[in-house]
């Protein structure tokens, strides 16, 4: 996406997978974890693209996550990223958090509630995560301050696989799933969630 249209990148991941987590921009990104089904991969890859060279953007292997998982949350940039929670092999929810410094991952403080298929946004030192599964659909919200997670006010509608965007103090969650696809949209102001105009159609797992 260049601000006006979508184009297909000539680069492909070195390892095919789904439900990984990522952070960064269209020209400098990092992705970690994911699956083939229930494998809980720990592999990570970096993407780099420059308008100043003729060669196309490309993915390159980098150091792996300490704990393989899929359906985790992510925030930050290619050189200051954060991956948290997710589903470990066997489908167990995780609350592990790992920071990425552009070279390697290191474990930091855990989330308060283990979960997967939830969403997040923000930076390595000011991240936000909300919703999730399994069990009773989660409406939980947690904020990361660079060293620990703290519980905040719940979303109005518990769900998972929600589309998200924004920052820790100005975020939105749209759609998702809780027994059926959802159309609700909520805004977060750093303290609480408020309802906004719903999506024109129900959907989940939008990015």
C-alpha atoms as a PDB file:
ATOM      1  CA  UNK A   1       0.000   0.000   0.000  1.00  0.00           C
ATOM      2  CA  UNK A   2       1.569   3.318  -1.097  1.00  0.00           C
ATOM      3  CA  UNK A   3      -1.157   5.617   0.189  1.00  0.00           C
ATOM      4  CA  UNK A   4      -3.398   5.275  -2.852  1.00  0.00           C
ATOM      5  CA  UNK A   5      -3.247   1.702  -4.163  1.00  0.00           C
ATOM      6  CA  UNK A   6      -2.167  -1.864  -3.379  1.00  0.00           C
ATOM      7  CA  UNK A   7       0.595  -3.729  -5.210  1.00  0.00           C
ATOM      8  CA  UNK A   8       2.016  -7.223  -4.913  1.00  0.00           C
ATOM      9  CA  UNK A   9       5.549  -7.511  -3.577  1.00  0.00           C
ATOM     10  CA  UNK A  10       7.866  -9.796  -5.553  1.00  0.00           C
ATOM     11  CA  UNK A  11       9.290 -11.071  -2.258  1.00  0.00           C
ATOM     12  CA  UNK A  12       7.986 -14.198  -0.555  1.00  0.00           C
ATOM     13  CA  UNK A  13       8.570 -15.544   2.927  1.00  0.00           C
ATOM     14  CA  UNK A  14      11.267 -18.162   3.250  1.00  0.00           C
ATOM     15  CA  UNK A  15       8.835 -20.387   5.190  1.00  0.00           C
ATOM     16  CA  UNK A  16       5.153 -20.555   4.274  1.00  0.00           C
ATOM     17  CA  UNK A  17       2.879 -20.089   7.316  1.00  0.00           C
ATOM     18  CA  UNK A  18      -0.170 -18.384   8.712  1.00  0.00           C
ATOM     19  CA  UNK A  19      -1.165 -16.689  11.973  1.00  0.00           C
ATOM     20  CA  UNK A  20       2.263 -15.215  12.674  1.00  0.00           C
ATOM     21  CA  UNK A  21       2.812 -11.819  14.256  1.00  0.00           C
ATOM     22  CA  UNK A  22       4.570  -8.825  12.746  1.00  0.00           C
ATOM     23  CA  UNK A  23       5.664  -5.252  13.280  1.00  0.00           C
ATOM     24  CA  UNK A  24       7.256  -2.473  11.254  1.00  0.00           C
ATOM     25  CA  UNK A  25       6.419  -0.747   7.978  1.00  0.00           C
ATOM     26  CA  UNK A  26       6.047  -1.598   4.287  1.00  0.00           C
ATOM     27  CA  UNK A  27       9.776  -1.168   3.770  1.00  0.00           C
ATOM     28  CA  UNK A  28      11.209  -2.542   7.026  1.00  0.00           C
ATOM     29  CA  UNK A  29       9.312  -5.247   8.880  1.00  0.00           C
ATOM     30  CA  UNK A  30       9.835  -8.334  11.017  1.00  0.00           C
ATOM     31  CA  UNK A  31       7.553 -11.362  11.360  1.00  0.00           C
ATOM     32  CA  UNK A  32       7.774 -14.148  13.923  1.00  0.00           C
ATOM     33  CA  UNK A  33       6.068 -17.390  14.818  1.00  0.00           C
ATOM     34  CA  UNK A  34       3.033 -18.737  13.020  1.00  0.00           C
ATOM     35  CA  UNK A  35       2.072 -22.204  11.894  1.00  0.00           C
ATOM     36  CA  UNK A  36       1.503 -24.780   9.721  1.00  0.00           C
ATOM     37  CA  UNK A  37      -1.397 -26.020  11.848  1.00  0.00           C
ATOM     38  CA  UNK A  38      -0.578 -26.212  15.554  1.00  0.00           C
ATOM     39  CA  UNK A  39       3.173 -26.297  14.945  1.00  0.00           C
ATOM     40  CA  UNK A  40       3.862 -23.147  16.951  1.00  0.00           C
ATOM     41  CA  UNK A  41       6.788 -22.046  14.805  1.00  0.00           C
ATOM     42  CA  UNK A  42       9.581 -19.998  16.378  1.00  0.00           C
ATOM     43  CA  UNK A  43      11.222 -18.871  13.113  1.00  0.00           C
ATOM     44  CA  UNK A  44      11.515 -15.166  12.330  1.00  0.00           C
ATOM     45  CA  UNK A  45      12.250 -13.213   9.158  1.00  0.00           C
ATOM     46  CA  UNK A  46      13.068  -9.582   8.383  1.00  0.00           C
ATOM     47  CA  UNK A  47      11.902  -7.683   5.300  1.00  0.00           C
ATOM     48  CA  UNK A  48      13.813  -4.799   3.743  1.00  0.00           C
ATOM     49  CA  UNK A  49      12.964  -2.745   0.679  1.00  0.00           C
ATOM     50  CA  UNK A  50      14.546   0.441  -0.649  1.00  0.00           C
ATOM     51  CA  UNK A  51      13.445   2.838  -3.376  1.00  0.00           C
ATOM     52  CA  UNK A  52      17.113   3.702  -3.937  1.00  0.00           C
ATOM     53  CA  UNK A  53      18.148   0.318  -5.313  1.00  0.00           C
ATOM     54  CA  UNK A  54      17.021  -1.694  -8.319  1.00  0.00           C
ATOM     55  CA  UNK A  55      16.771  -5.012  -6.499  1.00  0.00           C
ATOM     56  CA  UNK A  56      13.374  -5.893  -5.081  1.00  0.00           C
ATOM     57  CA  UNK A  57      12.571  -6.134  -1.395  1.00  0.00           C
ATOM     58  CA  UNK A  58      13.366  -9.455   0.230  1.00  0.00           C
ATOM     59  CA  UNK A  59      12.838 -11.522   3.366  1.00  0.00           C
ATOM     60  CA  UNK A  60      15.871 -12.805   5.268  1.00  0.00           C
ATOM     61  CA  UNK A  61      16.061 -15.262   8.158  1.00  0.00           C
ATOM     62  CA  UNK A  62      16.879 -13.809  11.562  1.00  0.00           C
ATOM     63  CA  UNK A  63      17.135 -15.208  15.096  1.00  0.00           C
ATOM     64  CA  UNK A  64      14.137 -17.244  16.235  1.00  0.00           C
ATOM     65  CA  UNK A  65      11.614 -16.561  18.960  1.00  0.00           C
ATOM     66  CA  UNK A  66      12.453 -18.209  22.272  1.00  0.00           C
ATOM     67  CA  UNK A  67       9.023 -19.870  22.333  1.00  0.00           C
ATOM     68  CA  UNK A  68       7.290 -20.975  19.138  1.00  0.00           C
ATOM     69  CA  UNK A  69       3.616 -19.991  18.819  1.00  0.00           C
ATOM     70  CA  UNK A  70       0.929 -18.711  16.478  1.00  0.00           C
ATOM     71  CA  UNK A  71      -1.976 -16.242  16.695  1.00  0.00           C
ATOM     72  CA  UNK A  72       0.037 -13.854  18.884  1.00  0.00           C
ATOM     73  CA  UNK A  73      -0.104 -10.060  19.125  1.00  0.00           C
ATOM     74  CA  UNK A  74       2.556  -7.684  17.841  1.00  0.00           C
ATOM     75  CA  UNK A  75       3.625  -4.049  18.072  1.00  0.00           C
ATOM     76  CA  UNK A  76       6.569  -1.801  17.315  1.00  0.00           C
ATOM     77  CA  UNK A  77       9.068  -1.623  14.458  1.00  0.00           C
ATOM     78  CA  UNK A  78      11.591  -3.881  12.750  1.00  0.00           C
ATOM     79  CA  UNK A  79      14.338  -2.937  15.194  1.00  0.00           C
ATOM     80  CA  UNK A  80      12.175  -2.433  18.300  1.00  0.00           C
ATOM     81  CA  UNK A  81       9.401  -4.981  18.153  1.00  0.00           C
ATOM     82  CA  UNK A  82       7.177  -6.808  20.621  1.00  0.00           C
ATOM     83  CA  UNK A  83       5.415 -10.179  20.312  1.00  0.00           C
ATOM     84  CA  UNK A  84       3.091 -11.372  23.073  1.00  0.00           C
ATOM     85  CA  UNK A  85       0.722 -14.194  23.951  1.00  0.00           C
ATOM     86  CA  UNK A  86      -0.446 -16.615  21.278  1.00  0.00           C
ATOM     87  CA  UNK A  87      -1.079 -20.336  20.925  1.00  0.00           C
ATOM     88  CA  UNK A  88       1.743 -22.768  21.723  1.00  0.00           C
ATOM     89  CA  UNK A  89       1.897 -26.319  20.262  1.00  0.00           C
ATOM     90  CA  UNK A  90      -1.230 -28.201  21.264  1.00  0.00           C
ATOM     91  CA  UNK A  91      -3.372 -25.075  21.245  1.00  0.00           C
ATOM     92  CA  UNK A  92      -2.473 -23.845  24.723  1.00  0.00           C
ATOM     93  CA  UNK A  93      -2.888 -20.084  25.319  1.00  0.00           C
ATOM     94  CA  UNK A  94       0.296 -18.222  26.230  1.00  0.00           C
ATOM     95  CA  UNK A  95       1.026 -15.034  28.150  1.00  0.00           C
ATOM     96  CA  UNK A  96       4.718 -14.850  27.208  1.00  0.00           C
ATOM     97  CA  UNK A  97       6.106 -11.543  25.929  1.00  0.00           C
ATOM     98  CA  UNK A  98       9.290 -11.155  23.871  1.00  0.00           C
ATOM     99  CA  UNK A  99      11.092  -8.027  22.691  1.00  0.00           C
ATOM    100  CA  UNK A 100      13.032  -7.836  19.419  1.00  0.00           C
ATOM    101  CA  UNK A 101      16.003  -5.452  19.106  1.00  0.00           C
ATOM    102  CA  UNK A 102      16.683  -5.915  15.407  1.00  0.00           C
ATOM    103  CA  UNK A 103      18.892  -8.939  16.053  1.00  0.00           C
ATOM    104  CA  UNK A 104      17.358 -11.255  18.639  1.00  0.00           C
ATOM    105  CA  UNK A 105      14.351 -11.876  20.876  1.00  0.00           C
ATOM    106  CA  UNK A 106      14.455 -11.723  24.675  1.00  0.00           C
ATOM    107  CA  UNK A 107      11.742 -12.701  27.137  1.00  0.00           C
ATOM    108  CA  UNK A 108      10.306  -9.955  29.331  1.00  0.00           C
ATOM    109  CA  UNK A 109       7.332  -9.726  31.720  1.00  0.00           C
ATOM    110  CA  UNK A 110       4.279 -11.878  30.991  1.00  0.00           C
ATOM    111  CA  UNK A 111       0.785 -10.673  30.153  1.00  0.00           C
ATOM    112  CA  UNK A 112      -1.777 -10.953  32.950  1.00  0.00           C
ATOM    113  CA  UNK A 113      -4.147 -13.233  31.006  1.00  0.00           C
ATOM    114  CA  UNK A 114      -2.943 -15.975  28.620  1.00  0.00           C
ATOM    115  CA  UNK A 115      -4.820 -15.880  25.302  1.00  0.00           C
ATOM    116  CA  UNK A 116      -4.593 -16.027  21.541  1.00  0.00           C
ATOM    117  CA  UNK A 117      -6.404 -14.713  18.460  1.00  0.00           C
ATOM    118  CA  UNK A 118      -6.479 -11.259  19.979  1.00  0.00           C
ATOM    119  CA  UNK A 119      -5.223  -7.978  18.652  1.00  0.00           C
ATOM    120  CA  UNK A 120      -2.772  -5.253  19.514  1.00  0.00           C
ATOM    121  CA  UNK A 121      -1.123  -2.065  18.385  1.00  0.00           C
ATOM    122  CA  UNK A 122       1.373   0.559  19.553  1.00  0.00           C
ATOM    123  CA  UNK A 123       5.117   0.538  20.130  1.00  0.00           C
ATOM    124  CA  UNK A 124       7.679  -1.568  21.974  1.00  0.00           C
ATOM    125  CA  UNK A 125       7.354   0.672  25.036  1.00  0.00           C
ATOM    126  CA  UNK A 126       3.652   1.585  24.775  1.00  0.00           C
ATOM    127  CA  UNK A 127       1.603  -1.311  23.407  1.00  0.00           C
ATOM    128  CA  UNK A 128      -2.083  -2.155  23.701  1.00  0.00           C
ATOM    129  CA  UNK A 129      -3.805  -5.538  23.432  1.00  0.00           C
ATOM    130  CA  UNK A 130      -7.491  -6.422  23.616  1.00  0.00           C
ATOM    131  CA  UNK A 131      -9.986  -9.225  23.121  1.00  0.00           C
ATOM    132  CA  UNK A 132      -8.992 -12.855  22.635  1.00  0.00           C
ATOM    133  CA  UNK A 133      -9.779 -16.525  23.117  1.00  0.00           C
ATOM    134  CA  UNK A 134     -10.129 -19.385  24.273  1.00  0.00           C
ATOM    135  CA  UNK A 135     -12.950 -20.198  26.661  1.00  0.00           C
ATOM    136  CA  UNK A 136     -15.388 -17.380  27.337  1.00  0.00           C
ATOM    137  CA  UNK A 137     -14.676 -14.769  24.672  1.00  0.00           C
ATOM    138  CA  UNK A 138     -12.394 -12.136  26.169  1.00  0.00           C
ATOM    139  CA  UNK A 139     -13.096  -8.407  26.408  1.00  0.00           C
ATOM    140  CA  UNK A 140      -9.905  -7.840  28.396  1.00  0.00           C
ATOM    141  CA  UNK A 141      -7.633  -4.886  27.661  1.00  0.00           C
ATOM    142  CA  UNK A 142      -3.995  -4.642  28.751  1.00  0.00           C
ATOM    143  CA  UNK A 143      -1.390  -1.897  28.338  1.00  0.00           C
ATOM    144  CA  UNK A 144       2.397  -2.449  28.134  1.00  0.00           C
ATOM    145  CA  UNK A 145       4.687   0.314  29.448  1.00  0.00           C
ATOM    146  CA  UNK A 146       8.018  -1.138  28.362  1.00  0.00           C
ATOM    147  CA  UNK A 147       8.494  -3.304  31.443  1.00  0.00           C
ATOM    148  CA  UNK A 148       5.116  -4.751  32.506  1.00  0.00           C
ATOM    149  CA  UNK A 149       1.465  -5.251  31.522  1.00  0.00           C
ATOM    150  CA  UNK A 150      -1.435  -3.673  33.420  1.00  0.00           C
ATOM    151  CA  UNK A 151      -5.132  -4.475  33.121  1.00  0.00           C
ATOM    152  CA  UNK A 152      -7.406  -1.698  31.865  1.00  0.00           C
ATOM    153  CA  UNK A 153     -11.129  -1.253  31.210  1.00  0.00           C
ATOM    154  CA  UNK A 154     -12.688  -4.029  29.120  1.00  0.00           C
ATOM    155  CA  UNK A 155     -14.027  -3.636  25.602  1.00  0.00           C
ATOM    156  CA  UNK A 156     -17.773  -3.181  25.341  1.00  0.00           C
ATOM    157  CA  UNK A 157     -18.109  -6.383  23.276  1.00  0.00           C
ATOM    158  CA  UNK A 158     -15.893  -9.395  23.948  1.00  0.00           C
ATOM    159  CA  UNK A 159     -14.513 -10.937  20.722  1.00  0.00           C
ATOM    160  CA  UNK A 160     -11.388 -12.142  18.969  1.00  0.00           C
ATOM    161  CA  UNK A 161      -9.732 -11.773  15.549  1.00  0.00           C
ATOM    162  CA  UNK A 162     -10.514  -8.042  15.660  1.00  0.00           C
ATOM    163  CA  UNK A 163      -9.014  -5.584  13.154  1.00  0.00           C
ATOM    164  CA  UNK A 164      -7.014  -2.926  14.995  1.00  0.00           C
ATOM    165  CA  UNK A 165      -5.009   0.240  14.563  1.00  0.00           C
ATOM    166  CA  UNK A 166      -3.714   3.373  16.230  1.00  0.00           C
ATOM    167  CA  UNK A 167      -1.680   3.913  19.368  1.00  0.00           C
ATOM    168  CA  UNK A 168      -1.979   2.980  23.031  1.00  0.00           C
ATOM    169  CA  UNK A 169      -3.983   6.124  23.766  1.00  0.00           C
ATOM    170  CA  UNK A 170      -5.916   6.407  20.489  1.00  0.00           C
ATOM    171  CA  UNK A 171      -6.833   3.001  19.094  1.00  0.00           C
ATOM    172  CA  UNK A 172      -9.750   1.260  17.422  1.00  0.00           C
ATOM    173  CA  UNK A 173     -11.045  -2.302  17.187  1.00  0.00           C
ATOM    174  CA  UNK A 174     -13.372  -3.305  14.352  1.00  0.00           C
ATOM    175  CA  UNK A 175     -15.297  -6.480  13.620  1.00  0.00           C
ATOM    176  CA  UNK A 176     -14.136  -9.799  15.030  1.00  0.00           C
ATOM    177  CA  UNK A 177     -15.812 -13.020  16.100  1.00  0.00           C
ATOM    178  CA  UNK A 178     -17.836 -14.239  19.098  1.00  0.00           C
ATOM    179  CA  UNK A 179     -20.069 -17.059  17.962  1.00  0.00           C
ATOM    180  CA  UNK A 180     -20.547 -15.246  14.659  1.00  0.00           C
ATOM    181  CA  UNK A 181     -18.748 -12.533  12.723  1.00  0.00           C
ATOM    182  CA  UNK A 182     -19.176  -9.058  14.239  1.00  0.00           C
ATOM    183  CA  UNK A 183     -19.597  -5.533  12.863  1.00  0.00           C
ATOM    184  CA  UNK A 184     -19.044  -3.507  16.059  1.00  0.00           C
ATOM    185  CA  UNK A 185     -16.399  -0.756  16.078  1.00  0.00           C
ATOM    186  CA  UNK A 186     -14.986   0.664  19.306  1.00  0.00           C
ATOM    187  CA  UNK A 187     -12.499   3.468  20.037  1.00  0.00           C
ATOM    188  CA  UNK A 188     -10.022   3.439  22.937  1.00  0.00           C
ATOM    189  CA  UNK A 189      -8.803   6.733  24.413  1.00  0.00           C
ATOM    190  CA  UNK A 190      -6.185   5.381  26.798  1.00  0.00           C
ATOM    191  CA  UNK A 191      -8.755   4.822  29.537  1.00  0.00           C
ATOM    192  CA  UNK A 192     -11.982   3.359  28.186  1.00  0.00           C
ATOM    193  CA  UNK A 193     -13.761   2.072  25.078  1.00  0.00           C
ATOM    194  CA  UNK A 194     -16.665   3.805  23.342  1.00  0.00           C
ATOM    195  CA  UNK A 195     -18.873   2.541  20.522  1.00  0.00           C
ATOM    196  CA  UNK A 196     -18.533   4.041  17.043  1.00  0.00           C
ATOM    197  CA  UNK A 197     -20.255   3.561  13.685  1.00  0.00           C
ATOM    198  CA  UNK A 198     -20.417  -0.146  12.861  1.00  0.00           C
ATOM    199  CA  UNK A 199     -18.846  -1.757   9.806  1.00  0.00           C
ATOM    200  CA  UNK A 200     -21.167  -2.045   6.783  1.00  0.00           C
ATOM    201  CA  UNK A 201     -20.815  -5.845   6.960  1.00  0.00           C
ATOM    202  CA  UNK A 202     -19.757  -8.378   9.577  1.00  0.00           C
ATOM    203  CA  UNK A 203     -16.234  -9.760   9.341  1.00  0.00           C
ATOM    204  CA  UNK A 204     -13.283 -11.109  11.309  1.00  0.00           C
ATOM    205  CA  UNK A 205      -9.526 -11.541  10.936  1.00  0.00           C
ATOM    206  CA  UNK A 206      -9.209  -8.354   8.860  1.00  0.00           C
ATOM    207  CA  UNK A 207      -5.817  -6.639   9.152  1.00  0.00           C
END
